[in-house]
């Protein structure tokens, strides 16, 4: 069984781990991590997908416009179409 950490890894901890694994300074690793995140965000914003073999795929996912209800009043309202980022893990990552 995998033991979970009490809190999730934050960006600073990720940067430190990358610096140690790649034998580079934390400043260089920070720029590399930022570049990866910016590249993924830019691709998803332009509705491209980013597929990383053995890890997963980042995609832009659109939820269509629909009708909903205001829970306080019960009134029917229109909910606008919304696009957000989604991550689909690769089967190799799911198996970990």
Protein backbone atom coordinates (compact mmCIF):
# COMPACT_ATOMS: atom_id res chain seq x y z
CA UNK A 1 0.00 0.00 0.00
CA UNK A 2 1.17 3.49 -0.82
CA UNK A 3 1.43 5.77 2.17
CA UNK A 4 0.07 9.25 1.48
CA UNK A 5 1.75 12.39 2.74
CA UNK A 6 -0.11 14.51 5.23
CA UNK A 7 -0.12 17.46 2.81
CA UNK A 8 0.33 17.57 -0.99
CA UNK A 9 3.70 18.46 -2.51
CA UNK A 10 3.79 22.20 -3.24
CA UNK A 11 5.59 23.99 -6.07
CA UNK A 12 8.64 24.76 -3.93
CA UNK A 13 9.04 21.12 -2.95
CA UNK A 14 8.59 20.06 -6.58
CA UNK A 15 11.25 22.56 -7.67
CA UNK A 16 13.65 21.23 -5.03
CA UNK A 17 13.02 17.62 -6.12
CA UNK A 18 13.63 18.55 -9.79
CA UNK A 19 16.85 20.38 -8.85
CA UNK A 20 18.15 17.34 -6.98
CA UNK A 21 17.10 14.83 -9.66
CA UNK A 22 18.57 16.88 -12.54
CA UNK A 23 21.66 18.06 -10.62
CA UNK A 24 20.92 21.76 -11.16
CA UNK A 25 20.38 24.80 -8.98
CA UNK A 26 16.97 25.47 -7.48
CA UNK A 27 16.78 28.71 -9.51
CA UNK A 28 17.31 26.78 -12.77
CA UNK A 29 14.84 24.11 -11.70
CA UNK A 30 12.30 26.82 -10.81
CA UNK A 31 12.57 28.30 -14.29
CA UNK A 32 12.21 24.82 -15.83
CA UNK A 33 9.12 23.99 -13.73
CA UNK A 34 7.58 27.39 -14.59
CA UNK A 35 8.29 26.81 -18.29
CA UNK A 36 6.58 23.40 -18.22
CA UNK A 37 3.51 24.77 -16.41
CA UNK A 38 3.31 27.81 -18.72
CA UNK A 39 3.60 25.59 -21.81
CA UNK A 40 0.84 23.26 -20.63
CA UNK A 41 -1.43 26.18 -19.66
CA UNK A 42 -0.83 27.90 -23.03
CA UNK A 43 -1.62 24.76 -24.98
CA UNK A 44 -4.82 24.07 -23.03
CA UNK A 45 -5.86 27.74 -23.35
CA UNK A 46 -5.60 27.44 -27.14
CA UNK A 47 -7.61 24.20 -26.90
CA UNK A 48 -4.67 21.94 -27.77
CA UNK A 49 -3.91 18.86 -25.74
CA UNK A 50 -0.58 17.94 -24.17
CA UNK A 51 0.10 14.19 -24.10
CA UNK A 52 3.04 13.01 -22.00
CA UNK A 53 3.74 9.32 -22.60
CA UNK A 54 3.51 7.26 -19.43
CA UNK A 55 2.11 10.21 -17.45
CA UNK A 56 -1.12 11.50 -18.95
CA UNK A 57 -2.87 14.07 -21.11
CA UNK A 58 -3.95 17.62 -20.35
CA UNK A 59 -6.99 18.71 -22.38
CA UNK A 60 -9.45 21.58 -22.58
CA UNK A 61 -12.86 20.26 -21.60
CA UNK A 62 -16.02 22.18 -22.46
CA UNK A 63 -19.25 21.77 -20.53
CA UNK A 64 -22.21 22.96 -22.59
CA UNK A 65 -24.72 25.58 -21.56
CA UNK A 66 -27.59 24.19 -19.51
CA UNK A 67 -30.41 25.07 -17.22
CA UNK A 68 -30.04 24.84 -13.47
CA UNK A 69 -31.91 25.86 -10.36
CA UNK A 70 -31.15 28.47 -7.76
CA UNK A 71 -31.18 26.37 -4.57
CA UNK A 72 -32.40 29.28 -2.44
CA UNK A 73 -35.41 30.20 -4.57
CA UNK A 74 -35.96 27.19 -6.81
CA UNK A 75 -35.93 29.58 -9.78
CA UNK A 76 -34.69 28.17 -13.10
CA UNK A 77 -31.49 29.85 -14.29
CA UNK A 78 -29.33 29.58 -17.40
CA UNK A 79 -25.77 28.39 -16.84
CA UNK A 80 -23.28 29.51 -19.50
CA UNK A 81 -20.95 27.20 -21.39
CA UNK A 82 -17.64 26.75 -19.56
CA UNK A 83 -14.23 25.49 -20.62
CA UNK A 84 -11.74 24.22 -18.06
CA UNK A 85 -8.55 22.18 -17.95
CA UNK A 86 -8.77 18.44 -17.33
CA UNK A 87 -6.14 15.77 -16.76
CA UNK A 88 -6.47 12.16 -17.85
CA UNK A 89 -3.78 9.97 -16.29
CA UNK A 90 -2.06 7.35 -18.42
CA UNK A 91 -2.63 3.74 -17.49
CA UNK A 92 1.00 3.48 -16.33
CA UNK A 93 0.34 6.27 -13.83
CA UNK A 94 -2.95 4.70 -12.73
CA UNK A 95 -1.14 1.44 -11.97
CA UNK A 96 1.24 3.07 -9.48
